Amino acid sequence: MRDGKPVLLRGFGLGGWLLPEGYMWKLQGACDRPRRMEALVERLCGADYAAGFWKRYLNSYITEADIEWIAAEGFNCVRLPINARHLDDGQAWPYIDACVQWGKRNGVYVMLDMHGALGGQTGQNIDDCEHDQPELFQNTACQDALVAHWTQLALRYRDEEMVVGYDLLNEPLPNFFSQYNHLLMPLYRRLAAAIRAVDANHLLVVEGLHWATDFSLFDELEERPLDGNMMLQFHKYWSEPDVESIRRFMDCAVRLNLPLFEGESGEINLDWYAAAFPMYERHGISWSFWSYKKMGCDNSPVTFAEPEGWDRIQACTS
């Protein structure tokens, strides 16, 4: 809500910036996540060059010009993926601050997305985990760190009106780690309590299990709500772009009287997009396209060519 009126969020996930994934650079296998990409640059070029490279990369991959273009095209939101490892080393903070300021100047909301919690919440490359395990749910110290990170973020941005909300955890616990499913809702409750201790204003956004496609954990919210200012998030890939494919998410949101956010759709083709995104809007569902920018592609709004000699870099990842 803004000025007492509902706001439909329409925009893009800024994947590849503060948490680059190998496939966005056409790197696969042994170079599929940030820590491995960082190691590759340092191995090939040395530590001094690597430090300078990442500074240049972060300063140029997403700039205010991107946010200006997003606003000019009629969109009003970006979802900003964060790697918690770079909250701890300080690298991420100036860029989160900058993105929020760009959003303020251009009328674009920023949703803070904990895409990579310390330890990892998926056990896959997308969260920059070290050991291909969801160590967030295996190690209470990682959970303590997540609570501390969200407390820091909430303290820093609690008065920023263009920060539209806090996406507590991206795509937690795919089915092959379902033995930890029972730990997710208690963690959400702990995060909500920690944030509300310092920030009574911002929207809390919670995702379902198994790549944000399983809303079964939200059943308990009928009897025991999590928070009075929250939103449910689902993700949708590689399935028919029709109402029946999202009916279960819509029904859950209606049952709980909560707004619904399609936090990621993309990586498919233009015909699919032309069917899916208008469908979301017809049903009052906010949405965020994944991902805004990638190398050498025809299925993201922004792309860039492979650098000369890139095949030599790719050869070093096998």
Protein backbone atom coordinates (compact mmCIF):
# COMPACT_ATOMS: atom_id res chain seq x y z
CA MET A 1 0.00 0.00 0.00
CA ARG A 2 1.11 3.57 -0.69
CA ASP A 3 -1.00 6.52 0.44
CA GLY A 4 -3.75 4.07 1.26
CA LYS A 5 -3.82 2.58 -2.25
CA PRO A 6 -2.58 -0.87 -3.32
CA VAL A 7 0.59 -0.98 -5.42
CA LEU A 8 1.24 -3.68 -8.02
CA LEU A 9 4.98 -4.34 -8.18
CA ARG A 10 6.34 -4.88 -11.69
CA GLY A 11 10.03 -5.21 -12.35
CA PHE A 12 13.22 -7.20 -12.46
CA GLY A 13 15.59 -9.25 -10.33
CA LEU A 14 19.11 -7.80 -10.55
CA GLY A 15 20.75 -11.20 -10.75
CA GLY A 16 24.43 -11.33 -11.56
CA TRP A 17 25.46 -8.16 -9.74
CA LEU A 18 26.03 -8.69 -6.01
CA LEU A 19 25.68 -12.46 -6.44
CA PRO A 20 26.88 -13.54 -9.91
CA GLU A 21 26.06 -17.05 -11.09
CA GLY A 22 28.26 -18.95 -13.50
CA TYR A 23 25.59 -19.56 -16.12
CA MET A 24 25.08 -15.79 -16.49
CA TRP A 25 28.68 -15.61 -17.71
CA LYS A 26 28.33 -18.83 -19.73
CA LEU A 27 30.50 -20.59 -17.16
CA GLN A 28 29.39 -23.98 -15.89
CA GLY A 29 30.56 -26.91 -13.81
CA ALA A 30 33.49 -25.98 -11.62
CA CYS A 31 32.74 -22.26 -11.89
CA ASP A 32 29.02 -22.15 -11.16
CA ARG A 33 28.85 -19.85 -8.11
CA PRO A 34 30.40 -16.64 -6.78
CA ARG A 35 33.12 -18.12 -4.60
CA ARG A 36 34.33 -20.29 -7.47
CA MET A 37 34.16 -17.41 -9.95
CA GLU A 38 36.20 -15.31 -7.53
CA ALA A 39 38.74 -18.12 -7.17
CA LEU A 40 39.02 -18.45 -10.95
CA VAL A 41 39.81 -14.76 -11.46
CA GLU A 42 42.40 -14.83 -8.70
CA ARG A 43 44.00 -18.06 -9.98
CA LEU A 44 44.31 -16.72 -13.51
CA CYS A 45 45.21 -13.13 -12.77
CA GLY A 46 46.52 -12.85 -9.21
CA ALA A 47 45.05 -11.37 -6.03
CA ASP A 48 45.77 -7.71 -6.82
CA TYR A 49 44.17 -7.86 -10.24
CA ALA A 50 41.21 -9.82 -8.85
CA ALA A 51 40.50 -7.17 -6.22
CA GLY A 52 40.54 -4.45 -8.86
CA PHE A 53 38.48 -6.51 -11.26
CA TRP A 54 35.64 -7.05 -8.82
CA LYS A 55 35.63 -3.37 -7.90
CA ARG A 56 35.28 -2.44 -11.56
CA TYR A 57 32.66 -5.11 -12.09
CA LEU A 58 30.49 -4.00 -9.20
CA ASN A 59 30.82 -0.36 -10.23
CA SER A 60 29.68 -1.04 -13.79
CA TYR A 61 27.45 -4.13 -14.04
CA ILE A 62 24.43 -2.29 -12.63
CA THR A 63 24.42 1.51 -12.48
CA GLU A 64 21.86 4.24 -12.03
CA ALA A 65 21.37 4.20 -15.80
CA ASP A 66 19.79 0.75 -15.44
CA ILE A 67 17.35 1.99 -12.82
CA GLU A 68 16.56 5.03 -14.95
CA TRP A 69 15.79 2.79 -17.92
CA ILE A 70 13.63 0.47 -15.82
CA ALA A 71 11.62 3.47 -14.61
CA ALA A 72 11.36 4.99 -18.09
CA GLU A 73 9.94 1.72 -19.43
CA GLY A 74 7.15 1.85 -16.86
CA PHE A 75 8.40 -0.61 -14.25
CA ASN A 76 8.46 0.22 -10.55
CA CYS A 77 10.51 -2.38 -8.66
CA VAL A 78 13.82 -4.23 -8.55
CA ARG A 79 14.56 -7.27 -6.45
CA LEU A 80 18.15 -7.03 -5.24
CA PRO A 81 19.88 -10.39 -4.54
CA ILE A 82 22.37 -10.22 -1.66
CA ASN A 83 25.25 -12.56 -0.81
CA ALA A 84 25.61 -12.57 2.99
CA ARG A 85 29.31 -13.37 2.71
CA HIS A 86 29.82 -9.89 1.27
CA LEU A 87 27.81 -8.27 4.03
CA ASP A 88 30.41 -9.62 6.44
CA ASP A 89 33.41 -8.42 4.45
CA GLY A 90 31.75 -5.05 3.79
CA GLN A 91 31.80 -5.31 0.01
CA ALA A 92 28.03 -5.30 -0.54
CA TRP A 93 26.92 -2.39 1.64
CA PRO A 94 27.93 0.54 -0.63
CA TYR A 95 26.12 -1.03 -3.56
CA ILE A 96 22.95 -1.76 -1.62
CA ASP A 97 23.02 1.85 -0.41
CA ALA A 98 23.55 3.06 -3.97
CA CYS A 99 20.71 0.97 -5.37
CA VAL A 100 18.31 2.32 -2.74
CA GLN A 101 19.32 5.89 -3.60
CA TRP A 102 18.90 5.24 -7.33
CA GLY A 103 15.47 3.85 -6.59
CA LYS A 104 14.53 6.93 -4.58
CA ARG A 105 15.62 9.27 -7.36
CA ASN A 106 13.74 7.34 -10.03
CA GLY A 107 10.61 6.16 -8.25
CA VAL A 108 11.63 2.49 -8.27
CA TYR A 109 11.07 0.33 -5.21
CA VAL A 110 13.88 -1.95 -4.02
CA MET A 111 13.16 -5.34 -2.47
CA LEU A 112 16.11 -6.70 -0.48
CA ASP A 113 16.52 -10.40 -1.29
CA MET A 114 18.64 -12.68 0.89
CA HIS A 115 19.72 -14.80 -2.05
CA GLY A 116 22.72 -16.40 -0.39
CA ALA A 117 22.58 -16.90 3.37
CA LEU A 118 25.78 -17.93 5.11
CA GLY A 119 26.06 -21.70 4.83
CA GLY A 120 23.45 -21.77 2.10
CA GLN A 121 19.73 -22.44 2.23
CA THR A 122 19.49 -24.64 -0.88
CA GLY A 123 22.70 -26.69 -1.05
CA GLN A 124 23.04 -25.55 -4.67
CA ASN A 125 25.14 -23.02 -6.56
CA ILE A 126 22.52 -20.26 -6.41
CA ASP A 127 23.22 -19.50 -2.74
CA ASP A 128 27.04 -19.61 -3.02
CA CYS A 129 27.23 -22.53 -0.57
CA GLU A 130 30.63 -24.07 -0.03
CA HIS A 131 29.87 -27.77 0.40
CA ASP A 132 26.67 -28.37 -1.62
CA GLN A 133 24.68 -28.66 1.57
CA PRO A 134 22.01 -26.39 3.10
CA GLU A 135 24.26 -25.64 6.06
CA LEU A 136 21.95 -22.85 7.19
CA PHE A 137 19.69 -25.61 8.48
CA GLN A 138 22.53 -27.80 9.76
CA ASN A 139 24.41 -25.20 11.77
CA THR A 140 22.78 -22.92 14.32
CA ALA A 141 25.68 -20.47 13.97
CA CYS A 142 24.59 -19.85 10.37
CA GLN A 143 21.05 -19.18 11.58
CA ASP A 144 22.39 -16.76 14.16
CA ALA A 145 24.30 -15.00 11.38
CA LEU A 146 21.15 -14.73 9.25
CA VAL A 147 19.28 -13.14 12.16
CA ALA A 148 22.16 -10.72 12.66
CA HIS A 149 22.27 -9.83 8.96
CA TRP A 150 18.56 -9.08 8.78
CA THR A 151 18.80 -7.05 11.97
CA GLN A 152 21.60 -5.01 10.38
CA LEU A 153 19.64 -4.53 7.17
CA ALA A 154 16.46 -3.54 9.01
CA LEU A 155 18.31 -1.04 11.18
CA ARG A 156 19.96 0.50 8.14
CA TYR A 157 16.88 0.76 5.92
CA ARG A 158 13.97 1.00 8.34
CA ASP A 159 13.28 4.62 7.38
CA GLU A 160 13.70 4.14 3.62
CA GLU A 161 10.26 4.30 2.01
CA MET A 162 11.54 3.04 -1.36
CA VAL A 163 12.71 -0.19 0.24
CA VAL A 164 9.47 -2.03 -0.35
CA GLY A 165 10.24 -5.09 1.74
CA TYR A 166 12.55 -7.79 2.99
CA ASP A 167 12.64 -11.09 1.08
CA LEU A 168 13.81 -13.22 3.98
CA LEU A 169 15.26 -16.24 2.15
CA ASN A 170 15.45 -17.15 -1.53
CA GLU A 171 14.17 -20.59 -2.60
CA PRO A 172 14.83 -22.49 0.63
CA LEU A 173 15.18 -26.25 0.79
CA PRO A 174 14.59 -28.14 -2.45
CA ASN A 175 12.82 -31.47 -2.07
CA PHE A 176 16.05 -33.48 -1.90
CA PHE A 177 16.77 -31.76 1.43
CA SER A 178 13.19 -32.02 2.72
CA GLN A 179 14.37 -33.57 6.00
CA TYR A 180 14.97 -29.98 7.12
CA ASN A 181 11.57 -28.60 6.06
CA HIS A 182 10.29 -28.44 9.62
CA LEU A 183 13.02 -25.92 10.48
CA LEU A 184 11.98 -23.25 7.98
CA MET A 185 8.88 -21.78 9.63
CA PRO A 186 10.55 -21.49 13.04
CA LEU A 187 13.40 -19.65 11.31
CA TYR A 188 10.93 -17.33 9.58
CA ARG A 189 9.34 -16.61 12.94
CA ARG A 190 12.71 -15.88 14.49
CA LEU A 191 13.63 -13.53 11.64
CA ALA A 192 10.29 -11.75 11.85
CA ALA A 193 10.71 -11.18 15.59
CA ALA A 194 14.25 -9.84 15.13
CA ILE A 195 13.24 -7.47 12.35
CA ARG A 196 10.15 -6.23 14.16
CA ALA A 197 12.29 -5.43 17.19
CA VAL A 198 13.95 -2.68 15.13
CA ASP A 199 11.61 -2.05 12.17
CA ALA A 200 7.82 -2.00 12.51
CA ASN A 201 7.21 -0.75 8.98
CA HIS A 202 8.59 -2.86 6.19
CA LEU A 203 6.86 -5.70 4.40
CA LEU A 204 8.13 -9.19 5.23
CA VAL A 205 8.22 -11.45 2.18
CA VAL A 206 8.35 -15.22 2.69
CA GLU A 207 8.95 -17.88 0.05
CA GLY A 208 7.68 -21.44 -0.12
CA LEU A 209 9.74 -24.60 -0.05
CA HIS A 210 11.28 -26.36 -3.08
CA TRP A 211 12.34 -23.40 -5.22
CA ALA A 212 9.47 -21.32 -3.79
CA THR A 213 6.84 -23.65 -5.29
CA ASP A 214 5.53 -25.48 -2.21
CA PHE A 215 3.22 -23.42 0.02
CA SER A 216 2.33 -26.27 2.38
CA LEU A 217 4.37 -24.72 5.21
CA PHE A 218 2.01 -21.74 5.21
CA ASP A 219 -0.98 -23.86 6.31
CA GLU A 220 -0.16 -23.15 9.95
CA LEU A 221 -0.53 -19.41 9.37
CA GLU A 222 -4.33 -19.80 9.42
CA GLU A 223 -4.18 -20.55 13.13
CA ARG A 224 -0.95 -18.78 13.99
CA PRO A 225 -0.10 -15.82 11.73
CA LEU A 226 3.52 -14.84 11.23
CA ASP A 227 3.10 -11.07 10.94
CA GLY A 228 0.46 -8.51 10.10
CA ASN A 229 2.46 -6.94 7.26
CA MET A 230 3.69 -9.68 4.97
CA MET A 231 3.53 -11.12 1.46
CA LEU A 232 3.77 -14.66 0.06
CA GLN A 233 6.22 -15.29 -2.78
CA PHE A 234 6.27 -18.05 -5.38
CA HIS A 235 8.57 -18.68 -8.35
CA LYS A 236 7.52 -20.11 -11.70
CA TYR A 237 9.70 -21.73 -14.36
CA TRP A 238 9.25 -24.34 -17.09
CA SER A 239 5.53 -24.91 -16.67
CA GLU A 240 2.48 -23.76 -18.58
CA PRO A 241 1.83 -20.00 -18.27
CA ASP A 242 -1.79 -20.50 -17.26
CA VAL A 243 -3.97 -19.83 -14.22
CA GLU A 244 -4.28 -23.49 -13.27
CA SER A 245 -0.51 -23.73 -12.77
CA ILE A 246 -0.63 -20.99 -10.11
CA ARG A 247 -4.04 -21.76 -8.64
CA ARG A 248 -2.58 -23.28 -5.46
CA PHE A 249 -0.63 -20.09 -4.75
CA MET A 250 -3.62 -17.88 -5.41
CA ASP A 251 -5.88 -20.01 -3.20
CA CYS A 252 -3.39 -19.89 -0.33
CA ALA A 253 -3.08 -16.10 -0.57
CA VAL A 254 -6.87 -15.70 -0.57
CA ARG A 255 -7.26 -18.08 2.36
CA LEU A 256 -4.69 -16.14 4.39
CA ASN A 257 -5.80 -12.74 3.08
CA LEU A 258 -2.25 -11.89 2.02
CA PRO A 259 -0.81 -10.30 -1.13
CA LEU A 260 0.97 -12.53 -3.62
CA PHE A 261 4.28 -11.92 -5.38
CA GLU A 262 5.68 -13.91 -8.28
CA GLY A 263 9.31 -13.28 -7.42
CA GLU A 264 10.97 -15.06 -10.34
CA SER A 265 9.88 -16.06 -13.82
CA GLY A 266 12.12 -16.03 -16.85
CA GLU A 267 14.91 -18.05 -18.46
CA ILE A 268 12.42 -19.29 -21.07
CA ASN A 269 11.26 -17.49 -24.24
CA LEU A 270 9.38 -14.43 -25.39
CA ASP A 271 6.11 -16.24 -26.15
CA TRP A 272 6.02 -17.62 -22.61
CA TYR A 273 6.66 -14.17 -21.16
CA ALA A 274 3.89 -12.64 -23.29
CA ALA A 275 1.43 -15.09 -21.75
CA ALA A 276 2.67 -15.20 -18.15
CA PHE A 277 3.23 -11.61 -17.04
CA PRO A 278 -0.10 -10.17 -18.25
CA MET A 279 -1.77 -13.14 -16.55
CA TYR A 280 -0.19 -12.17 -13.22
CA GLU A 281 -1.38 -8.61 -13.58
CA ARG A 282 -4.94 -9.65 -14.49
CA HIS A 283 -5.09 -11.45 -11.15
CA GLY A 284 -3.50 -8.66 -9.12
CA ILE A 285 -0.22 -10.54 -8.61
CA SER A 286 2.98 -8.50 -8.32
CA TRP A 287 5.91 -9.88 -10.30
CA SER A 288 9.67 -9.71 -10.85
CA PHE A 289 11.41 -11.04 -13.98
CA TRP A 290 14.58 -13.14 -13.60
CA SER A 291 17.05 -12.05 -14.62
CA TYR A 292 17.41 -8.50 -15.88
CA LYS A 293 20.82 -9.00 -17.52
CA LYS A 294 23.02 -11.86 -18.77
CA MET A 295 25.82 -12.46 -21.22
CA GLY A 296 25.02 -13.36 -24.82
CA CYS A 297 21.32 -14.17 -24.52
CA ASP A 298 17.99 -13.40 -26.19
CA ASN A 299 15.68 -14.05 -23.22
CA SER A 300 16.58 -11.22 -20.83
CA PRO A 301 15.86 -7.49 -21.29
CA VAL A 302 19.56 -6.58 -21.30
CA THR A 303 22.48 -8.57 -22.64
CA PHE A 304 26.12 -8.06 -23.58
CA ALA A 305 28.45 -9.88 -25.96
CA GLU A 306 31.00 -12.43 -24.88
CA PRO A 307 34.38 -10.66 -24.54
CA GLU A 308 37.05 -11.48 -27.08
CA GLY A 309 38.90 -14.62 -26.03
CA TRP A 310 36.15 -15.69 -23.63
CA ASP A 311 36.48 -19.27 -24.86
CA ARG A 312 39.94 -19.34 -23.24
CA ILE A 313 38.38 -18.40 -19.89
CA GLN A 314 35.66 -21.02 -20.33
CA ALA A 315 38.31 -23.64 -21.00
CA CYS A 316 39.82 -22.98 -17.58
CA THR A 317 36.62 -23.99 -15.79
CA SER A 318 36.45 -27.62 -16.95
